[in-house]
Amino acid sequence: MYPKGYEGGSPLAEGLKFGAIIGLLWWFPTNLVLYAAMEGPFSIVLIDGAWHLFEEGIAGAVLGLVYGPGLKQDAVV
């Protein structure tokens, strides 16, 4: 999925953006279900969301640094 979203910028910035998007796509539906199923303050969901944005952003940055330097904009993947 990373090569499809690569826009030719800095591998670090592209990786952070990719990781944050993947973190939101994974976190949002999962936590909506968990919040509906358990009792507790909504702040727990927000704190978990902030953590996942950070965690997946770092993972995406590493992915961008490892995979990004050799990725060409017109490469067919």
PDB file of N, CA and C in Angstrom:
ATOM      1  N   MET A   1       0.813  -1.192   0.000  1.00  0.00           N
ATOM      2  CA  MET A   1       0.000   0.000   0.000  1.00  0.00           C
ATOM      3  C   MET A   1       0.860   1.261   0.000  1.00  0.00           C
ATOM      4  N   TYR A   2       2.006   1.195   0.620  1.00  0.00           N
ATOM      5  CA  TYR A   2       2.856   2.387   0.701  1.00  0.00           C
ATOM      6  C   TYR A   2       3.231   2.933  -0.675  1.00  0.00           C
ATOM      7  N   PRO A   3       3.654   2.090  -1.631  1.00  0.00           N
ATOM      8  CA  PRO A   3       4.013   2.637  -2.944  1.00  0.00           C
ATOM      9  C   PRO A   3       2.851   3.329  -3.663  1.00  0.00           C
ATOM     10  N   LYS A   4       1.637   2.887  -3.428  1.00  0.00           N
ATOM     11  CA  LYS A   4       0.474   3.508  -4.082  1.00  0.00           C
ATOM     12  C   LYS A   4       0.215   4.917  -3.561  1.00  0.00           C
ATOM     13  N   GLY A   5       0.549   5.176  -2.318  1.00  0.00           N
ATOM     14  CA  GLY A   5       0.316   6.489  -1.737  1.00  0.00           C
ATOM     15  C   GLY A   5       1.514   7.403  -1.765  1.00  0.00           C
ATOM     16  N   TYR A   6       2.648   6.893  -2.232  1.00  0.00           N
ATOM     17  CA  TYR A   6       3.881   7.681  -2.258  1.00  0.00           C
ATOM     18  C   TYR A   6       3.742   8.834  -3.246  1.00  0.00           C
ATOM     19  N   GLU A   7       4.002  10.053  -2.792  1.00  0.00           N
ATOM     20  CA  GLU A   7       3.841  11.230  -3.638  1.00  0.00           C
ATOM     21  C   GLU A   7       5.166  11.868  -4.035  1.00  0.00           C
ATOM     22  N   GLY A   8       6.274  11.232  -3.733  1.00  0.00           N
ATOM     23  CA  GLY A   8       7.562  11.739  -4.166  1.00  0.00           C
ATOM     24  C   GLY A   8       8.244  12.697  -3.202  1.00  0.00           C
ATOM     25  N   GLY A   9       7.737  12.852  -2.014  1.00  0.00           N
ATOM     26  CA  GLY A   9       8.349  13.750  -1.040  1.00  0.00           C
ATOM     27  C   GLY A   9       9.450  13.059  -0.253  1.00  0.00           C
ATOM     28  N   SER A  10       9.781  13.636   0.865  1.00  0.00           N
ATOM     29  CA  SER A  10      10.772  13.066   1.767  1.00  0.00           C
ATOM     30  C   SER A  10      10.287  11.705   2.267  1.00  0.00           C
ATOM     31  N   PRO A  11      11.152  10.676   2.245  1.00  0.00           N
ATOM     32  CA  PRO A  11      10.716   9.366   2.741  1.00  0.00           C
ATOM     33  C   PRO A  11      10.220   9.407   4.184  1.00  0.00           C
ATOM     34  N   LEU A  12      10.837  10.231   5.019  1.00  0.00           N
ATOM     35  CA  LEU A  12      10.417  10.340   6.413  1.00  0.00           C
ATOM     36  C   LEU A  12       9.008  10.935   6.513  1.00  0.00           C
ATOM     37  N   ALA A  13       8.769  12.035   5.809  1.00  0.00           N
ATOM     38  CA  ALA A  13       7.450  12.679   5.851  1.00  0.00           C
ATOM     39  C   ALA A  13       6.379  11.789   5.225  1.00  0.00           C
ATOM     40  N   GLU A  14       6.706  11.170   4.106  1.00  0.00           N
ATOM     41  CA  GLU A  14       5.749  10.265   3.456  1.00  0.00           C
ATOM     42  C   GLU A  14       5.423   9.082   4.359  1.00  0.00           C
ATOM     43  N   GLY A  15       6.428   8.544   5.038  1.00  0.00           N
ATOM     44  CA  GLY A  15       6.212   7.424   5.952  1.00  0.00           C
ATOM     45  C   GLY A  15       5.366   7.810   7.152  1.00  0.00           C
ATOM     46  N   LEU A  16       5.628   9.002   7.721  1.00  0.00           N
ATOM     47  CA  LEU A  16       4.815   9.481   8.849  1.00  0.00           C
ATOM     48  C   LEU A  16       3.357   9.644   8.437  1.00  0.00           C
ATOM     49  N   LYS A  17       3.144  10.218   7.259  1.00  0.00           N
ATOM     50  CA  LYS A  17       1.775  10.406   6.770  1.00  0.00           C
ATOM     51  C   LYS A  17       1.089   9.059   6.559  1.00  0.00           C
ATOM     52  N   PHE A  18       1.795   8.134   5.924  1.00  0.00           N
ATOM     53  CA  PHE A  18       1.245   6.803   5.687  1.00  0.00           C
ATOM     54  C   PHE A  18       0.916   6.098   6.999  1.00  0.00           C
ATOM     55  N   GLY A  19       1.835   6.139   7.946  1.00  0.00           N
ATOM     56  CA  GLY A  19       1.619   5.488   9.242  1.00  0.00           C
ATOM     57  C   GLY A  19       0.447   6.078  10.002  1.00  0.00           C
ATOM     58  N   ALA A  20       0.308   7.407   9.967  1.00  0.00           N
ATOM     59  CA  ALA A  20      -0.806   8.048  10.663  1.00  0.00           C
ATOM     60  C   ALA A  20      -2.144   7.657  10.037  1.00  0.00           C
ATOM     61  N   ILE A  21      -2.192   7.586   8.718  1.00  0.00           N
ATOM     62  CA  ILE A  21      -3.436   7.186   8.047  1.00  0.00           C
ATOM     63  C   ILE A  21      -3.784   5.745   8.374  1.00  0.00           C
ATOM     64  N   ILE A  22      -2.800   4.861   8.326  1.00  0.00           N
ATOM     65  CA  ILE A  22      -3.046   3.453   8.651  1.00  0.00           C
ATOM     66  C   ILE A  22      -3.459   3.331  10.125  1.00  0.00           C
ATOM     67  N   GLY A  23      -2.818   4.096  10.994  1.00  0.00           N
ATOM     68  CA  GLY A  23      -3.194   4.079  12.411  1.00  0.00           C
ATOM     69  C   GLY A  23      -4.647   4.480  12.628  1.00  0.00           C
ATOM     70  N   LEU A  24      -5.095   5.523  11.924  1.00  0.00           N
ATOM     71  CA  LEU A  24      -6.496   5.939  12.034  1.00  0.00           C
ATOM     72  C   LEU A  24      -7.444   4.885  11.478  1.00  0.00           C
ATOM     73  N   LEU A  25      -7.082   4.314  10.334  1.00  0.00           N
ATOM     74  CA  LEU A  25      -7.946   3.296   9.731  1.00  0.00           C
ATOM     75  C   LEU A  25      -8.073   2.062  10.619  1.00  0.00           C
ATOM     76  N   TRP A  26      -7.038   1.745  11.368  1.00  0.00           N
ATOM     77  CA  TRP A  26      -7.084   0.593  12.259  1.00  0.00           C
ATOM     78  C   TRP A  26      -7.742   0.950  13.589  1.00  0.00           C
ATOM     79  N   TRP A  27      -7.415   2.122  14.109  1.00  0.00           N
ATOM     80  CA  TRP A  27      -7.867   2.506  15.435  1.00  0.00           C
ATOM     81  C   TRP A  27      -9.348   2.855  15.487  1.00  0.00           C
ATOM     82  N   PHE A  28      -9.830   3.658  14.547  1.00  0.00           N
ATOM     83  CA  PHE A  28     -11.173   4.219  14.636  1.00  0.00           C
ATOM     84  C   PHE A  28     -12.276   3.160  14.735  1.00  0.00           C
ATOM     85  N   PRO A  29     -12.386   2.217  13.792  1.00  0.00           N
ATOM     86  CA  PRO A  29     -13.482   1.243  13.914  1.00  0.00           C
ATOM     87  C   PRO A  29     -13.331   0.330  15.128  1.00  0.00           C
ATOM     88  N   THR A  30     -12.111  -0.050  15.440  1.00  0.00           N
ATOM     89  CA  THR A  30     -11.880  -0.927  16.582  1.00  0.00           C
ATOM     90  C   THR A  30     -12.324  -0.263  17.882  1.00  0.00           C
ATOM     91  N   ASN A  31     -11.951   0.974  18.063  1.00  0.00           N
ATOM     92  CA  ASN A  31     -12.293   1.652  19.309  1.00  0.00           C
ATOM     93  C   ASN A  31     -13.747   2.069  19.387  1.00  0.00           C
ATOM     94  N   LEU A  32     -14.404   2.280  18.271  1.00  0.00           N
ATOM     95  CA  LEU A  32     -15.843   2.532  18.328  1.00  0.00           C
ATOM     96  C   LEU A  32     -16.570   1.315  18.882  1.00  0.00           C
ATOM     97  N   VAL A  33     -16.177   0.141  18.438  1.00  0.00           N
ATOM     98  CA  VAL A  33     -16.790  -1.091  18.941  1.00  0.00           C
ATOM     99  C   VAL A  33     -16.452  -1.287  20.418  1.00  0.00           C
ATOM    100  N   LEU A  34     -15.189  -1.110  20.787  1.00  0.00           N
ATOM    101  CA  LEU A  34     -14.792  -1.288  22.183  1.00  0.00           C
ATOM    102  C   LEU A  34     -15.482  -0.281  23.100  1.00  0.00           C
ATOM    103  N   TYR A  35     -15.608   0.955  22.661  1.00  0.00           N
ATOM    104  CA  TYR A  35     -16.269   1.973  23.483  1.00  0.00           C
ATOM    105  C   TYR A  35     -17.744   1.644  23.678  1.00  0.00           C
ATOM    106  N   ALA A  36     -18.375   1.134  22.633  1.00  0.00           N
ATOM    107  CA  ALA A  36     -19.787   0.769  22.735  1.00  0.00           C
ATOM    108  C   ALA A  36     -19.983  -0.443  23.640  1.00  0.00           C
ATOM    109  N   ALA A  37     -18.994  -1.335  23.694  1.00  0.00           N
ATOM    110  CA  ALA A  37     -19.138  -2.577  24.453  1.00  0.00           C
ATOM    111  C   ALA A  37     -18.750  -2.449  25.917  1.00  0.00           C
ATOM    112  N   MET A  38     -17.965  -1.426  26.266  1.00  0.00           N
ATOM    113  CA  MET A  38     -17.524  -1.320  27.655  1.00  0.00           C
ATOM    114  C   MET A  38     -17.882   0.031  28.234  1.00  0.00           C
ATOM    115  N   GLU A  39     -17.909   0.080  29.538  1.00  0.00           N
ATOM    116  CA  GLU A  39     -18.196   1.340  30.203  1.00  0.00           C
ATOM    117  C   GLU A  39     -16.890   2.054  30.512  1.00  0.00           C
ATOM    118  N   GLY A  40     -16.914   3.336  30.394  1.00  0.00           N
ATOM    119  CA  GLY A  40     -15.733   4.109  30.715  1.00  0.00           C
ATOM    120  C   GLY A  40     -15.805   5.457  30.044  1.00  0.00           C
ATOM    121  N   PRO A  41     -14.922   6.363  30.436  1.00  0.00           N
ATOM    122  CA  PRO A  41     -14.942   7.697  29.856  1.00  0.00           C
ATOM    123  C   PRO A  41     -14.436   7.690  28.404  1.00  0.00           C
ATOM    124  N   PHE A  42     -14.932   8.625  27.625  1.00  0.00           N
ATOM    125  CA  PHE A  42     -14.518   8.739  26.227  1.00  0.00           C
ATOM    126  C   PHE A  42     -13.056   9.165  26.115  1.00  0.00           C
ATOM    127  N   SER A  43     -12.508   9.758  27.177  1.00  0.00           N
ATOM    128  CA  SER A  43     -11.106  10.193  27.142  1.00  0.00           C
ATOM    129  C   SER A  43     -10.157   9.009  26.944  1.00  0.00           C
ATOM    130  N   ILE A  44     -10.561   7.826  27.393  1.00  0.00           N
ATOM    131  CA  ILE A  44      -9.727   6.636  27.177  1.00  0.00           C
ATOM    132  C   ILE A  44      -9.582   6.361  25.688  1.00  0.00           C
ATOM    133  N   VAL A  45     -10.662   6.536  24.947  1.00  0.00           N
ATOM    134  CA  VAL A  45     -10.632   6.325  23.500  1.00  0.00           C
ATOM    135  C   VAL A  45      -9.730   7.353  22.837  1.00  0.00           C
ATOM    136  N   LEU A  46      -9.807   8.602  23.277  1.00  0.00           N
ATOM    137  CA  LEU A  46      -8.973   9.651  22.692  1.00  0.00           C
ATOM    138  C   LEU A  46      -7.495   9.450  23.006  1.00  0.00           C
ATOM    139  N   ILE A  47      -7.187   9.047  24.221  1.00  0.00           N
ATOM    140  CA  ILE A  47      -5.791   8.783  24.592  1.00  0.00           C
ATOM    141  C   ILE A  47      -5.243   7.616  23.783  1.00  0.00           C
ATOM    142  N   ASP A  48      -6.044   6.573  23.628  1.00  0.00           N
ATOM    143  CA  ASP A  48      -5.620   5.437  22.822  1.00  0.00           C
ATOM    144  C   ASP A  48      -5.420   5.854  21.373  1.00  0.00           C
ATOM    145  N   GLY A  49      -6.279   6.718  20.874  1.00  0.00           N
ATOM    146  CA  GLY A  49      -6.137   7.204  19.506  1.00  0.00           C
ATOM    147  C   GLY A  49      -4.855   7.997  19.312  1.00  0.00           C
ATOM    148  N   ALA A  50      -4.535   8.856  20.261  1.00  0.00           N
ATOM    149  CA  ALA A  50      -3.291   9.629  20.177  1.00  0.00           C
ATOM    150  C   ALA A  50      -2.079   8.703  20.202  1.00  0.00           C
ATOM    151  N   TRP A  51      -2.148   7.679  21.048  1.00  0.00           N
ATOM    152  CA  TRP A  51      -1.052   6.717  21.109  1.00  0.00           C
ATOM    153  C   TRP A  51      -0.881   5.992  19.774  1.00  0.00           C
ATOM    154  N   HIS A  52      -1.978   5.566  19.165  1.00  0.00           N
ATOM    155  CA  HIS A  52      -1.877   4.845  17.894  1.00  0.00           C
ATOM    156  C   HIS A  52      -1.392   5.742  16.769  1.00  0.00           C
ATOM    157  N   LEU A  53      -1.777   7.010  16.755  1.00  0.00           N
ATOM    158  CA  LEU A  53      -1.231   7.926  15.752  1.00  0.00           C
ATOM    159  C   LEU A  53       0.280   8.038  15.897  1.00  0.00           C
ATOM    160  N   PHE A  54       0.748   8.144  17.137  1.00  0.00           N
ATOM    161  CA  PHE A  54       2.179   8.226  17.395  1.00  0.00           C
ATOM    162  C   PHE A  54       2.880   6.924  17.003  1.00  0.00           C
ATOM    163  N   GLU A  55       2.351   5.817  17.499  1.00  0.00           N
ATOM    164  CA  GLU A  55       2.971   4.509  17.271  1.00  0.00           C
ATOM    165  C   GLU A  55       3.008   4.144  15.784  1.00  0.00           C
ATOM    166  N   GLU A  56       1.893   4.279  15.104  1.00  0.00           N
ATOM    167  CA  GLU A  56       1.846   3.929  13.689  1.00  0.00           C
ATOM    168  C   GLU A  56       2.595   4.956  12.838  1.00  0.00           C
ATOM    169  N   GLY A  57       2.637   6.202  13.295  1.00  0.00           N
ATOM    170  CA  GLY A  57       3.433   7.212  12.590  1.00  0.00           C
ATOM    171  C   GLY A  57       4.912   6.874  12.613  1.00  0.00           C
ATOM    172  N   ILE A  58       5.408   6.430  13.765  1.00  0.00           N
ATOM    173  CA  ILE A  58       6.815   6.023  13.865  1.00  0.00           C
ATOM    174  C   ILE A  58       7.077   4.798  12.997  1.00  0.00           C
ATOM    175  N   ALA A  59       6.167   3.828  13.029  1.00  0.00           N
ATOM    176  CA  ALA A  59       6.328   2.633  12.185  1.00  0.00           C
ATOM    177  C   ALA A  59       6.318   3.017  10.708  1.00  0.00           C
ATOM    178  N   GLY A  60       5.450   3.942  10.323  1.00  0.00           N
ATOM    179  CA  GLY A  60       5.416   4.405   8.939  1.00  0.00           C
ATOM    180  C   GLY A  60       6.679   5.148   8.552  1.00  0.00           C
ATOM    181  N   ALA A  61       7.233   5.928   9.478  1.00  0.00           N
ATOM    182  CA  ALA A  61       8.479   6.639   9.205  1.00  0.00           C
ATOM    183  C   ALA A  61       9.611   5.653   8.961  1.00  0.00           C
ATOM    184  N   VAL A  62       9.672   4.607   9.760  1.00  0.00           N
ATOM    185  CA  VAL A  62      10.699   3.570   9.555  1.00  0.00           C
ATOM    186  C   VAL A  62      10.481   2.901   8.198  1.00  0.00           C
ATOM    187  N   LEU A  63       9.237   2.592   7.875  1.00  0.00           N
ATOM    188  CA  LEU A  63       8.922   2.007   6.581  1.00  0.00           C
ATOM    189  C   LEU A  63       9.351   2.937   5.453  1.00  0.00           C
ATOM    190  N   GLY A  64       9.069   4.221   5.601  1.00  0.00           N
ATOM    191  CA  GLY A  64       9.467   5.192   4.585  1.00  0.00           C
ATOM    192  C   GLY A  64      10.967   5.286   4.425  1.00  0.00           C
ATOM    193  N   LEU A  65      11.702   5.252   5.538  1.00  0.00           N
ATOM    194  CA  LEU A  65      13.163   5.344   5.451  1.00  0.00           C
ATOM    195  C   LEU A  65      13.772   4.079   4.853  1.00  0.00           C
ATOM    196  N   VAL A  66      13.177   2.927   5.131  1.00  0.00           N
ATOM    197  CA  VAL A  66      13.700   1.675   4.587  1.00  0.00           C
ATOM    198  C   VAL A  66      13.301   1.508   3.129  1.00  0.00           C
ATOM    199  N   TYR A  67      12.058   1.785   2.813  1.00  0.00           N
ATOM    200  CA  TYR A  67      11.518   1.496   1.495  1.00  0.00           C
ATOM    201  C   TYR A  67      11.554   2.696   0.564  1.00  0.00           C
ATOM    202  N   GLY A  68      11.504   3.892   1.114  1.00  0.00           N
ATOM    203  CA  GLY A  68      11.358   5.097   0.332  1.00  0.00           C
ATOM    204  C   GLY A  68      12.519   5.510  -0.545  1.00  0.00           C
ATOM    205  N   PRO A  69      13.782   5.401  -0.097  1.00  0.00           N
ATOM    206  CA  PRO A  69      14.867   5.921  -0.941  1.00  0.00           C
ATOM    207  C   PRO A  69      14.958   5.260  -2.320  1.00  0.00           C
ATOM    208  N   GLY A  70      14.587   4.005  -2.442  1.00  0.00           N
ATOM    209  CA  GLY A  70      14.666   3.327  -3.731  1.00  0.00           C
ATOM    210  C   GLY A  70      13.384   3.409  -4.536  1.00  0.00           C
ATOM    211  N   LEU A  71      12.365   4.052  -3.998  1.00  0.00           N
ATOM    212  CA  LEU A  71      11.058   4.113  -4.658  1.00  0.00           C
ATOM    213  C   LEU A  71      11.031   5.269  -5.637  1.00  0.00           C
ATOM    214  N   LYS A  72      10.743   4.994  -6.871  1.00  0.00           N
ATOM    215  CA  LYS A  72      10.642   6.030  -7.903  1.00  0.00           C
ATOM    216  C   LYS A  72       9.174   6.337  -8.146  1.00  0.00           C
ATOM    217  N   GLN A  73       8.887   7.593  -8.474  1.00  0.00           N
ATOM    218  CA  GLN A  73       7.507   8.016  -8.693  1.00  0.00           C
ATOM    219  C   GLN A  73       6.865   7.251  -9.847  1.00  0.00           C
ATOM    220  N   ASP A  74       7.577   6.997 -10.941  1.00  0.00           N
ATOM    221  CA  ASP A  74       6.986   6.308 -12.089  1.00  0.00           C
ATOM    222  C   ASP A  74       7.221   4.810 -12.064  1.00  0.00           C
ATOM    223  N   ALA A  75       7.669   4.262 -10.958  1.00  0.00           N
ATOM    224  CA  ALA A  75       7.888   2.815 -10.891  1.00  0.00           C
ATOM    225  C   ALA A  75       6.541   2.087 -10.861  1.00  0.00           C
ATOM    226  N   VAL A  76       6.471   1.014 -11.596  1.00  0.00           N
ATOM    227  CA  VAL A  76       5.270   0.190 -11.610  1.00  0.00           C
ATOM    228  C   VAL A  76       5.440  -0.890 -10.557  1.00  0.00           C
ATOM    229  N   VAL A  77       4.521  -0.906  -9.593  1.00  0.00           N
ATOM    230  CA  VAL A  77       4.615  -1.881  -8.506  1.00  0.00           C
ATOM    231  C   VAL A  77       3.467  -2.836  -8.604  1.00  0.00           C
TER     232      VAL A  77
END
